[in-house]
Amino acid sequence: MLTVYHLAVSQSDRVVWMLEELGIDYQLEWFDRGDDLLAPPEYLELHPAGMSPVVRDGDKLLTESAAILEYLSYRYADGKYSVKPEEEDYADYLYWMHFNNNVQSVFFLKMALGGDLSAVKDNPVATTAKRREERYYQHLNDYLEGRNYLAADRFTCADMMIMFNLTALPLFGGRGIDDLPNVKKYVEGISQRPAYQKAMAIAGPGATKPEA
């Protein structure tokens, strides 16, 4: 059976989401964050690089959520939630699968600068971060005009990758989406998926450690 080592309020919630979409059994091992909001030492010991999320499938120990989603899509669903190289939207799929990195890099930089980029004066790093944040989100909003999904006109791993940024990061100082109508509509649509709702109840930002 697959085991998901879930760090509270982390991107491993998308792994739980994928497993709920697939409808396969898995075991959830929950790790709370410390008072410093960081992963506890016992979690860091799970993988040599001290990374999150971590998933065990037999003798394989997997990390990097994008890689995990693709692995699960092909290993357990014949690529159902992926876009294959021969498909027309393959390039778009790859782009949106990795767009997550852009958004998160700006988020962490924003937090390192105190959270309010507009309050940081005469700092070229803050100016660059603010510009990138606005361009990334506006680009996404423009792209989603008339679209329900990010690639191939169907639900894919790319949609699972981006939702954490749009729903969880605003809870911790990330950019909100209320002024981005296409993004807001997209999030509302994806959020209606039963597997998403179940996964967020189990491992989303508002979830708590299950009772033993």
C-alpha atoms as a PDB file:
ATOM      1  CA  MET A   1       0.000   0.000   0.000  1.00  0.00           C
ATOM      2  CA  LEU A   2       1.150   3.534  -0.760  1.00  0.00           C
ATOM      3  CA  THR A   3       2.142   5.685   2.196  1.00  0.00           C
ATOM      4  CA  VAL A   4       1.912   9.488   2.131  1.00  0.00           C
ATOM      5  CA  TYR A   5       4.057  11.200   4.744  1.00  0.00           C
ATOM      6  CA  HIS A   6       2.000  14.342   5.122  1.00  0.00           C
ATOM      7  CA  LEU A   7       3.452  17.509   6.609  1.00  0.00           C
ATOM      8  CA  ALA A   8       0.632  19.717   7.902  1.00  0.00           C
ATOM      9  CA  VAL A   9      -0.172  22.691   5.637  1.00  0.00           C
ATOM     10  CA  SER A  10       2.010  21.584   2.774  1.00  0.00           C
ATOM     11  CA  GLN A  11       1.899  20.612  -0.858  1.00  0.00           C
ATOM     12  CA  SER A  12       1.465  16.956  -0.008  1.00  0.00           C
ATOM     13  CA  ASP A  13      -2.270  17.726   0.009  1.00  0.00           C
ATOM     14  CA  ARG A  14      -2.165  17.519  -3.789  1.00  0.00           C
ATOM     15  CA  VAL A  15      -0.758  13.993  -3.531  1.00  0.00           C
ATOM     16  CA  VAL A  16      -3.699  12.986  -1.329  1.00  0.00           C
ATOM     17  CA  TRP A  17      -5.963  14.643  -3.892  1.00  0.00           C
ATOM     18  CA  MET A  18      -4.467  12.583  -6.711  1.00  0.00           C
ATOM     19  CA  LEU A  19      -4.908   9.375  -4.739  1.00  0.00           C
ATOM     20  CA  GLU A  20      -8.547  10.241  -4.081  1.00  0.00           C
ATOM     21  CA  GLU A  21      -9.036  10.896  -7.808  1.00  0.00           C
ATOM     22  CA  LEU A  22      -7.500   7.504  -8.538  1.00  0.00           C
ATOM     23  CA  GLY A  23      -9.602   5.799  -5.899  1.00  0.00           C
ATOM     24  CA  ILE A  24      -6.747   3.646  -4.601  1.00  0.00           C
ATOM     25  CA  ASP A  25      -5.957   2.767  -1.015  1.00  0.00           C
ATOM     26  CA  TYR A  26      -3.190   4.592   0.803  1.00  0.00           C
ATOM     27  CA  GLN A  27      -1.947   5.194   4.299  1.00  0.00           C
ATOM     28  CA  LEU A  28      -1.533   8.714   5.655  1.00  0.00           C
ATOM     29  CA  GLU A  29       1.259   9.386   8.150  1.00  0.00           C
ATOM     30  CA  TRP A  30       0.697  12.841   9.654  1.00  0.00           C
ATOM     31  CA  PHE A  31       3.486  15.153  10.852  1.00  0.00           C
ATOM     32  CA  ASP A  32       2.703  18.413  12.627  1.00  0.00           C
ATOM     33  CA  ARG A  33       4.947  21.424  12.186  1.00  0.00           C
ATOM     34  CA  GLY A  34       6.987  22.657  15.135  1.00  0.00           C
ATOM     35  CA  ASP A  35       6.516  25.946  16.993  1.00  0.00           C
ATOM     36  CA  ASP A  36       8.847  27.491  14.403  1.00  0.00           C
ATOM     37  CA  LEU A  37       6.397  26.341  11.676  1.00  0.00           C
ATOM     38  CA  LEU A  38       9.091  24.142  10.166  1.00  0.00           C
ATOM     39  CA  ALA A  39       9.069  20.403   9.574  1.00  0.00           C
ATOM     40  CA  PRO A  40      10.028  18.366  12.655  1.00  0.00           C
ATOM     41  CA  PRO A  41      13.376  16.507  12.678  1.00  0.00           C
ATOM     42  CA  GLU A  42      11.703  13.119  12.261  1.00  0.00           C
ATOM     43  CA  TYR A  43      10.121  14.310   9.008  1.00  0.00           C
ATOM     44  CA  LEU A  44      13.423  15.578   7.647  1.00  0.00           C
ATOM     45  CA  GLU A  45      14.915  12.148   8.251  1.00  0.00           C
ATOM     46  CA  LEU A  46      12.485  10.500   5.846  1.00  0.00           C
ATOM     47  CA  HIS A  47      14.432  11.582   2.760  1.00  0.00           C
ATOM     48  CA  PRO A  48      18.159  12.338   2.365  1.00  0.00           C
ATOM     49  CA  ALA A  49      17.377  15.828   1.036  1.00  0.00           C
ATOM     50  CA  GLY A  50      14.902  16.569   3.848  1.00  0.00           C
ATOM     51  CA  MET A  51      12.158  17.365   1.363  1.00  0.00           C
ATOM     52  CA  SER A  52       8.370  17.442   1.395  1.00  0.00           C
ATOM     53  CA  PRO A  53       6.175  15.781   0.255  1.00  0.00           C
ATOM     54  CA  VAL A  54       7.404  12.206   0.629  1.00  0.00           C
ATOM     55  CA  VAL A  55       5.581   9.120  -0.657  1.00  0.00           C
ATOM     56  CA  ARG A  56       6.553   5.472  -0.369  1.00  0.00           C
ATOM     57  CA  ASP A  57       5.396   2.984  -2.972  1.00  0.00           C
ATOM     58  CA  GLY A  58       6.868  -0.389  -2.140  1.00  0.00           C
ATOM     59  CA  ASP A  59      10.627   0.019  -2.091  1.00  0.00           C
ATOM     60  CA  LYS A  60      10.470   3.378  -3.905  1.00  0.00           C
ATOM     61  CA  LEU A  61      10.703   6.612  -1.935  1.00  0.00           C
ATOM     62  CA  LEU A  62       9.379   9.529  -3.975  1.00  0.00           C
ATOM     63  CA  THR A  63       9.566  13.277  -3.500  1.00  0.00           C
ATOM     64  CA  GLU A  64       8.884  16.440  -5.559  1.00  0.00           C
ATOM     65  CA  SER A  65       5.121  16.739  -5.941  1.00  0.00           C
ATOM     66  CA  ALA A  66       5.156  17.254  -9.718  1.00  0.00           C
ATOM     67  CA  ALA A  67       7.172  14.074 -10.153  1.00  0.00           C
ATOM     68  CA  ILE A  68       4.910  12.202  -7.728  1.00  0.00           C
ATOM     69  CA  LEU A  69       1.746  13.213  -9.593  1.00  0.00           C
ATOM     70  CA  GLU A  70       3.165  12.135 -12.940  1.00  0.00           C
ATOM     71  CA  TYR A  71       4.395   8.867 -11.427  1.00  0.00           C
ATOM     72  CA  LEU A  72       0.964   8.096  -9.972  1.00  0.00           C
ATOM     73  CA  SER A  73      -0.821   9.102 -13.176  1.00  0.00           C
ATOM     74  CA  TYR A  74       1.187   6.629 -15.250  1.00  0.00           C
ATOM     75  CA  ARG A  75       1.760   3.943 -12.639  1.00  0.00           C
ATOM     76  CA  TYR A  76      -1.877   3.617 -11.619  1.00  0.00           C
ATOM     77  CA  ALA A  77      -3.987   5.173 -14.395  1.00  0.00           C
ATOM     78  CA  ASP A  78      -2.086   4.721 -17.684  1.00  0.00           C
ATOM     79  CA  GLY A  79      -1.418   8.467 -17.865  1.00  0.00           C
ATOM     80  CA  LYS A  80      -5.079   9.441 -17.446  1.00  0.00           C
ATOM     81  CA  TYR A  81      -4.216  12.720 -15.714  1.00  0.00           C
ATOM     82  CA  SER A  82      -1.225  13.561 -17.914  1.00  0.00           C
ATOM     83  CA  VAL A  83      -0.892  14.969 -21.419  1.00  0.00           C
ATOM     84  CA  LYS A  84       1.245  12.806 -23.658  1.00  0.00           C
ATOM     85  CA  PRO A  85       4.003  14.139 -25.961  1.00  0.00           C
ATOM     86  CA  GLU A  86       2.034  13.331 -29.095  1.00  0.00           C
ATOM     87  CA  GLU A  87      -0.924  15.453 -27.957  1.00  0.00           C
ATOM     88  CA  GLU A  88      -1.328  18.980 -29.261  1.00  0.00           C
ATOM     89  CA  ASP A  89      -1.370  20.604 -25.812  1.00  0.00           C
ATOM     90  CA  TYR A  90       1.703  18.810 -24.492  1.00  0.00           C
ATOM     91  CA  ALA A  91       3.810  21.992 -24.409  1.00  0.00           C
ATOM     92  CA  ASP A  92       1.104  23.885 -22.520  1.00  0.00           C
ATOM     93  CA  TYR A  93       0.804  21.014 -20.087  1.00  0.00           C
ATOM     94  CA  LEU A  94       4.523  21.023 -19.327  1.00  0.00           C
ATOM     95  CA  TYR A  95       4.494  24.781 -18.875  1.00  0.00           C
ATOM     96  CA  TRP A  96       1.646  24.803 -16.380  1.00  0.00           C
ATOM     97  CA  MET A  97       3.020  21.802 -14.530  1.00  0.00           C
ATOM     98  CA  HIS A  98       6.100  23.860 -13.705  1.00  0.00           C
ATOM     99  CA  PHE A  99       4.505  27.304 -13.434  1.00  0.00           C
ATOM    100  CA  ASN A 100       4.077  26.474  -9.761  1.00  0.00           C
ATOM    101  CA  ASN A 101       7.789  27.102  -9.230  1.00  0.00           C
ATOM    102  CA  ASN A 102       7.528  30.707 -10.420  1.00  0.00           C
ATOM    103  CA  VAL A 103       4.639  31.548  -8.118  1.00  0.00           C
ATOM    104  CA  GLN A 104       6.189  29.906  -5.084  1.00  0.00           C
ATOM    105  CA  SER A 105       9.592  31.510  -5.561  1.00  0.00           C
ATOM    106  CA  VAL A 106       7.942  34.955  -5.493  1.00  0.00           C
ATOM    107  CA  PHE A 107       5.869  33.969  -2.445  1.00  0.00           C
ATOM    108  CA  PHE A 108       8.903  32.933  -0.408  1.00  0.00           C
ATOM    109  CA  LEU A 109      10.816  36.027  -1.478  1.00  0.00           C
ATOM    110  CA  LYS A 110       7.839  38.143  -0.466  1.00  0.00           C
ATOM    111  CA  MET A 111       7.770  36.509   2.976  1.00  0.00           C
ATOM    112  CA  ALA A 112      11.517  37.045   3.397  1.00  0.00           C
ATOM    113  CA  LEU A 113      10.990  40.757   2.709  1.00  0.00           C
ATOM    114  CA  GLY A 114       8.290  41.093   5.346  1.00  0.00           C
ATOM    115  CA  GLY A 115       5.168  40.196   3.388  1.00  0.00           C
ATOM    116  CA  ASP A 116       4.168  43.640   2.069  1.00  0.00           C
ATOM    117  CA  LEU A 117       6.258  44.358  -1.007  1.00  0.00           C
ATOM    118  CA  SER A 118       4.746  47.807  -1.513  1.00  0.00           C
ATOM    119  CA  ALA A 119       6.094  48.835   1.910  1.00  0.00           C
ATOM    120  CA  VAL A 120       9.684  48.022   0.927  1.00  0.00           C
ATOM    121  CA  LYS A 121      11.172  51.161  -0.592  1.00  0.00           C
ATOM    122  CA  ASP A 122      14.205  51.560  -2.820  1.00  0.00           C
ATOM    123  CA  ASN A 123      14.833  47.844  -2.988  1.00  0.00           C
ATOM    124  CA  PRO A 124      15.284  46.440  -6.506  1.00  0.00           C
ATOM    125  CA  VAL A 125      14.634  42.891  -5.275  1.00  0.00           C
ATOM    126  CA  ALA A 126      11.259  43.897  -3.823  1.00  0.00           C
ATOM    127  CA  THR A 127      10.412  45.834  -6.983  1.00  0.00           C
ATOM    128  CA  THR A 128      11.230  42.807  -9.134  1.00  0.00           C
ATOM    129  CA  ALA A 129       9.258  40.469  -6.896  1.00  0.00           C
ATOM    130  CA  LYS A 130       6.198  42.718  -6.974  1.00  0.00           C
ATOM    131  CA  ARG A 131       6.354  43.045 -10.756  1.00  0.00           C
ATOM    132  CA  ARG A 132       6.703  39.305 -11.221  1.00  0.00           C
ATOM    133  CA  GLU A 133       3.878  38.530  -8.813  1.00  0.00           C
ATOM    134  CA  GLU A 134       1.475  40.784 -10.685  1.00  0.00           C
ATOM    135  CA  ARG A 135       2.552  39.566 -14.117  1.00  0.00           C
ATOM    136  CA  TYR A 136       2.322  35.886 -13.151  1.00  0.00           C
ATOM    137  CA  TYR A 137      -1.194  36.195 -11.782  1.00  0.00           C
ATOM    138  CA  GLN A 138      -2.435  38.456 -14.567  1.00  0.00           C
ATOM    139  CA  HIS A 139      -0.959  36.071 -17.122  1.00  0.00           C
ATOM    140  CA  LEU A 140      -2.855  33.197 -15.510  1.00  0.00           C
ATOM    141  CA  ASN A 141      -6.068  35.221 -15.424  1.00  0.00           C
ATOM    142  CA  ASP A 142      -5.743  36.118 -19.105  1.00  0.00           C
ATOM    143  CA  TYR A 143      -4.960  32.533 -20.062  1.00  0.00           C
ATOM    144  CA  LEU A 144      -8.006  31.165 -18.253  1.00  0.00           C
ATOM    145  CA  GLU A 145     -10.432  33.325 -20.234  1.00  0.00           C
ATOM    146  CA  GLY A 146     -12.921  30.825 -21.627  1.00  0.00           C
ATOM    147  CA  ARG A 147     -11.094  27.837 -20.151  1.00  0.00           C
ATOM    148  CA  ASN A 148     -12.071  25.411 -17.393  1.00  0.00           C
ATOM    149  CA  TYR A 149      -8.716  23.619 -17.292  1.00  0.00           C
ATOM    150  CA  LEU A 150      -5.075  24.495 -17.890  1.00  0.00           C
ATOM    151  CA  ALA A 151      -4.327  22.056 -20.700  1.00  0.00           C
ATOM    152  CA  ALA A 152      -5.957  19.750 -23.238  1.00  0.00           C
ATOM    153  CA  ASP A 153      -9.454  20.892 -22.244  1.00  0.00           C
ATOM    154  CA  ARG A 154      -9.569  18.303 -19.464  1.00  0.00           C
ATOM    155  CA  PHE A 155      -8.585  17.878 -15.838  1.00  0.00           C
ATOM    156  CA  THR A 156      -4.881  16.999 -15.485  1.00  0.00           C
ATOM    157  CA  CYS A 157      -1.980  16.990 -13.047  1.00  0.00           C
ATOM    158  CA  ALA A 158      -1.360  20.624 -14.007  1.00  0.00           C
ATOM    159  CA  ASP A 159      -4.645  21.610 -12.367  1.00  0.00           C
ATOM    160  CA  MET A 160      -3.666  19.711  -9.234  1.00  0.00           C
ATOM    161  CA  MET A 161      -0.314  21.478  -9.185  1.00  0.00           C
ATOM    162  CA  ILE A 162      -1.630  25.029  -9.278  1.00  0.00           C
ATOM    163  CA  MET A 163      -4.524  24.897  -6.814  1.00  0.00           C
ATOM    164  CA  PHE A 164      -2.356  25.063  -3.677  1.00  0.00           C
ATOM    165  CA  ASN A 165      -0.940  28.393  -4.841  1.00  0.00           C
ATOM    166  CA  LEU A 166      -4.392  29.824  -5.461  1.00  0.00           C
ATOM    167  CA  THR A 167      -6.134  28.568  -2.331  1.00  0.00           C
ATOM    168  CA  ALA A 168      -3.525  28.031   0.393  1.00  0.00           C
ATOM    169  CA  LEU A 169      -0.893  30.720  -0.197  1.00  0.00           C
ATOM    170  CA  PRO A 170      -3.379  33.613   0.276  1.00  0.00           C
ATOM    171  CA  LEU A 171      -3.993  32.281   3.795  1.00  0.00           C
ATOM    172  CA  PHE A 172      -0.366  33.027   4.639  1.00  0.00           C
ATOM    173  CA  GLY A 173       0.230  36.338   2.924  1.00  0.00           C
ATOM    174  CA  GLY A 174       0.258  35.263  -0.700  1.00  0.00           C
ATOM    175  CA  ARG A 175      -1.562  37.211  -3.390  1.00  0.00           C
ATOM    176  CA  GLY A 176      -5.321  36.796  -3.360  1.00  0.00           C
ATOM    177  CA  ILE A 177      -7.474  36.112  -6.405  1.00  0.00           C
ATOM    178  CA  ASP A 178     -10.645  38.110  -5.718  1.00  0.00           C
ATOM    179  CA  ASP A 179      -9.718  40.659  -8.374  1.00  0.00           C
ATOM    180  CA  LEU A 180      -8.981  37.958 -10.958  1.00  0.00           C
ATOM    181  CA  PRO A 181     -12.387  36.822 -12.240  1.00  0.00           C
ATOM    182  CA  ASN A 182     -11.161  34.077 -14.536  1.00  0.00           C
ATOM    183  CA  VAL A 183      -8.903  32.597 -11.862  1.00  0.00           C
ATOM    184  CA  LYS A 184     -11.677  32.810  -9.292  1.00  0.00           C
ATOM    185  CA  LYS A 185     -14.119  31.034 -11.601  1.00  0.00           C
ATOM    186  CA  TYR A 186     -11.505  28.382 -12.354  1.00  0.00           C
ATOM    187  CA  VAL A 187     -10.864  27.726  -8.647  1.00  0.00           C
ATOM    188  CA  GLU A 188     -14.583  27.529  -7.931  1.00  0.00           C
ATOM    189  CA  GLY A 189     -15.009  24.965 -10.699  1.00  0.00           C
ATOM    190  CA  ILE A 190     -12.083  22.741  -9.726  1.00  0.00           C
ATOM    191  CA  SER A 191     -13.129  22.939  -6.071  1.00  0.00           C
ATOM    192  CA  GLN A 192     -16.384  21.167  -6.901  1.00  0.00           C
ATOM    193  CA  ARG A 193     -14.588  17.902  -7.633  1.00  0.00           C
ATOM    194  CA  PRO A 194     -15.557  15.340  -4.960  1.00  0.00           C
ATOM    195  CA  ALA A 195     -11.999  14.019  -4.729  1.00  0.00           C
ATOM    196  CA  TYR A 196     -10.690  17.529  -4.106  1.00  0.00           C
ATOM    197  CA  GLN A 197     -13.198  18.166  -1.351  1.00  0.00           C
ATOM    198  CA  LYS A 198     -12.401  14.850   0.322  1.00  0.00           C
ATOM    199  CA  ALA A 199      -8.652  15.419   0.077  1.00  0.00           C
ATOM    200  CA  MET A 200      -8.867  18.903   1.561  1.00  0.00           C
ATOM    201  CA  ALA A 201     -10.915  17.554   4.470  1.00  0.00           C
ATOM    202  CA  ILE A 202      -8.192  14.959   5.067  1.00  0.00           C
ATOM    203  CA  ALA A 203      -5.010  16.911   4.382  1.00  0.00           C
ATOM    204  CA  GLY A 204      -5.828  20.477   3.311  1.00  0.00           C
ATOM    205  CA  PRO A 205      -4.637  23.655   5.074  1.00  0.00           C
ATOM    206  CA  GLY A 206      -7.591  23.551   7.468  1.00  0.00           C
ATOM    207  CA  ALA A 207      -7.351  19.847   8.278  1.00  0.00           C
ATOM    208  CA  THR A 208      -6.097  18.521  11.599  1.00  0.00           C
ATOM    209  CA  LYS A 209      -4.312  15.331  12.577  1.00  0.00           C
ATOM    210  CA  PRO A 210      -6.720  12.401  12.619  1.00  0.00           C
ATOM    211  CA  GLU A 211      -7.449  10.901  15.993  1.00  0.00           C
ATOM    212  CA  ALA A 212      -5.659   7.627  16.627  1.00  0.00           C
END
